[in-house]
Amino acid sequence: MPAKKKRSIIAVDFDGTCVTHEYPEVGREIGATPILLDLVAHGHKLILFTMRSRKELDDAVKWFKERNIHLWGINNNPTQRAWTVSPKVHAHLYIDDAGACAPLIIPDQADQEEDCRPYIDWEKLGQWLHEQGYLS
């Protein structure tokens, strides 16, 4: 069994990561909620790290609030300005459908009319998070 990870700062994208790609609307559930709640319960701090802005960002934040998923930061790390002026959000882990090696589900284009872009496979990602000690 892997060693338990210290509490981490985790940056989480929204479209294609927490929900399907349906921007500017909020996409469909894809299994993120229970794992994000579990990460917070294990003491990890979540930063919503998205390109959404204005109303579309408000809609994403509302999605988290409706699910009682606490966000520590929204497009920023609240403590980082004390030690850097870099605009890159500091985190220990980034969960993003566009990230290298992200486990993805690729929808069958023949079965769907909406955008068929791949999205995070939360079952596989949850398994990896357990294996790495984030959820032990």
Protein backbone atom coordinates (compact mmCIF):
# COMPACT_ATOMS: atom_id res chain seq x y z
CA MET A 1 0.00 0.00 0.00
CA PRO A 2 1.44 3.43 -0.90
CA ALA A 3 2.35 5.92 1.78
CA LYS A 4 -0.39 8.39 2.63
CA LYS A 5 0.15 11.69 0.81
CA LYS A 6 0.30 14.91 2.74
CA ARG A 7 -2.55 17.28 2.18
CA SER A 8 -2.15 18.64 -1.31
CA ILE A 9 -3.31 21.60 -3.35
CA ILE A 10 -5.17 20.25 -6.37
CA ALA A 11 -6.07 22.42 -9.38
CA VAL A 12 -9.15 21.12 -11.19
CA ASP A 13 -10.30 22.15 -14.64
CA PHE A 14 -14.07 22.27 -15.30
CA ASP A 15 -15.19 21.57 -18.87
CA GLY A 16 -14.25 18.05 -19.88
CA THR A 17 -12.97 17.41 -16.38
CA CYS A 18 -15.89 17.86 -13.98
CA VAL A 19 -18.59 17.86 -16.66
CA THR A 20 -18.85 17.07 -20.37
CA HIS A 21 -17.83 19.72 -22.89
CA GLU A 22 -20.92 21.87 -23.50
CA TYR A 23 -19.50 25.37 -23.05
CA PRO A 24 -20.93 27.98 -22.54
CA GLU A 25 -23.53 25.77 -20.85
CA VAL A 26 -22.64 23.51 -17.94
CA GLY A 27 -22.18 19.98 -19.23
CA ARG A 28 -23.51 16.70 -17.92
CA GLU A 29 -22.26 14.87 -14.82
CA ILE A 30 -19.38 12.49 -15.48
CA GLY A 31 -18.61 11.15 -11.99
CA ALA A 32 -16.41 13.89 -10.53
CA THR A 33 -18.60 14.78 -7.54
CA PRO A 34 -17.94 11.82 -5.20
CA ILE A 35 -14.21 11.87 -5.82
CA LEU A 36 -13.89 15.65 -5.39
CA LEU A 37 -15.89 15.41 -2.14
CA ASP A 38 -13.58 12.59 -1.01
CA LEU A 39 -10.48 14.66 -1.83
CA VAL A 40 -11.79 17.55 0.29
CA ALA A 41 -12.73 15.13 3.09
CA HIS A 42 -9.12 13.88 3.05
CA GLY A 43 -7.91 17.45 3.64
CA HIS A 44 -6.85 18.38 0.12
CA LYS A 45 -7.47 21.94 -1.07
CA LEU A 46 -9.21 22.37 -4.43
CA ILE A 47 -8.63 25.24 -6.82
CA LEU A 48 -11.03 25.62 -9.72
CA PHE A 49 -8.62 26.26 -12.60
CA THR A 50 -10.62 27.08 -15.71
CA MET A 51 -10.68 29.41 -18.70
CA ARG A 52 -14.31 30.31 -17.89
CA SER A 53 -14.98 33.93 -16.95
CA ARG A 54 -17.89 36.17 -16.01
CA LYS A 55 -21.28 34.42 -16.05
CA GLU A 56 -19.79 31.16 -17.31
CA LEU A 57 -17.35 31.14 -14.37
CA ASP A 58 -20.22 31.92 -11.98
CA ASP A 59 -22.08 28.92 -13.42
CA ALA A 60 -19.09 26.65 -12.74
CA VAL A 61 -18.71 27.95 -9.17
CA LYS A 62 -22.43 27.38 -8.65
CA TRP A 63 -21.97 23.76 -9.81
CA PHE A 64 -19.46 23.21 -6.99
CA LYS A 65 -21.64 24.97 -4.40
CA GLU A 66 -24.71 22.93 -5.35
CA ARG A 67 -22.69 19.78 -4.64
CA ASN A 68 -21.14 21.08 -1.40
CA ILE A 69 -17.64 20.78 -2.86
CA HIS A 70 -15.51 23.39 -1.09
CA LEU A 71 -13.24 25.43 -3.34
CA TRP A 72 -10.15 26.83 -1.65
CA GLY A 73 -9.44 29.05 -4.66
CA ILE A 74 -10.92 30.09 -7.98
CA ASN A 75 -8.34 30.57 -10.72
CA ASN A 76 -5.77 31.46 -8.10
CA ASN A 77 -3.89 30.04 -5.14
CA PRO A 78 -4.85 32.27 -2.20
CA THR A 79 -1.40 32.01 -0.56
CA GLN A 80 0.88 32.24 -3.54
CA ARG A 81 1.20 36.04 -3.80
CA ALA A 82 3.14 35.94 -0.53
CA TRP A 83 6.05 34.23 -2.24
CA THR A 84 5.77 34.84 -6.01
CA VAL A 85 4.29 37.17 -8.60
CA SER A 86 3.98 34.38 -11.17
CA PRO A 87 0.53 34.20 -12.81
CA LYS A 88 0.72 30.39 -13.00
CA VAL A 89 -1.48 28.83 -10.31
CA HIS A 90 0.69 26.80 -7.94
CA ALA A 91 -0.67 23.33 -7.14
CA HIS A 92 0.78 19.91 -6.36
CA LEU A 93 -1.56 18.13 -8.79
CA TYR A 94 -3.49 19.33 -11.85
CA ILE A 95 -6.57 17.42 -13.00
CA ASP A 96 -7.38 18.43 -16.56
CA ASP A 97 -8.78 16.59 -19.57
CA ALA A 98 -6.05 18.24 -21.66
CA GLY A 99 -3.27 17.01 -19.38
CA ALA A 100 -0.75 14.39 -20.43
CA CYS A 101 -1.79 10.86 -19.49
CA ALA A 102 -5.24 11.95 -18.28
CA PRO A 103 -7.56 8.92 -18.34
CA LEU A 104 -10.27 9.82 -20.85
CA ILE A 105 -13.59 8.55 -22.09
CA ILE A 106 -14.00 9.10 -25.81
CA PRO A 107 -17.71 9.35 -26.65
CA ASP A 108 -19.07 7.50 -29.66
CA GLN A 109 -19.80 10.24 -32.19
CA ALA A 110 -22.51 8.16 -33.86
CA ASP A 111 -24.57 8.08 -30.65
CA GLN A 112 -24.42 11.79 -29.79
CA GLU A 113 -25.39 15.01 -31.46
CA GLU A 114 -23.51 17.34 -29.09
CA ASP A 115 -19.79 17.96 -29.05
CA CYS A 116 -18.09 14.58 -28.73
CA ARG A 117 -14.85 15.73 -27.15
CA PRO A 118 -13.21 13.34 -24.69
CA TYR A 119 -13.68 13.87 -20.95
CA ILE A 120 -12.08 12.58 -17.76
CA ASP A 121 -12.73 8.97 -16.77
CA TRP A 122 -13.30 9.48 -13.04
CA GLU A 123 -13.43 5.76 -12.31
CA LYS A 124 -9.87 5.32 -13.59
CA LEU A 125 -8.70 8.61 -12.09
CA GLY A 126 -10.19 7.69 -8.71
CA GLN A 127 -8.36 4.38 -8.83
CA TRP A 128 -5.09 6.19 -9.57
CA LEU A 129 -5.70 8.68 -6.74
CA HIS A 130 -6.15 5.73 -4.35
CA GLU A 131 -3.01 4.02 -5.64
CA GLN A 132 -0.99 7.21 -5.19
CA GLY A 133 -2.22 7.72 -1.62
CA TYR A 134 -4.39 10.78 -2.16
CA LEU A 135 -7.48 8.84 -1.06
CA SER A 136 -6.15 6.21 1.32
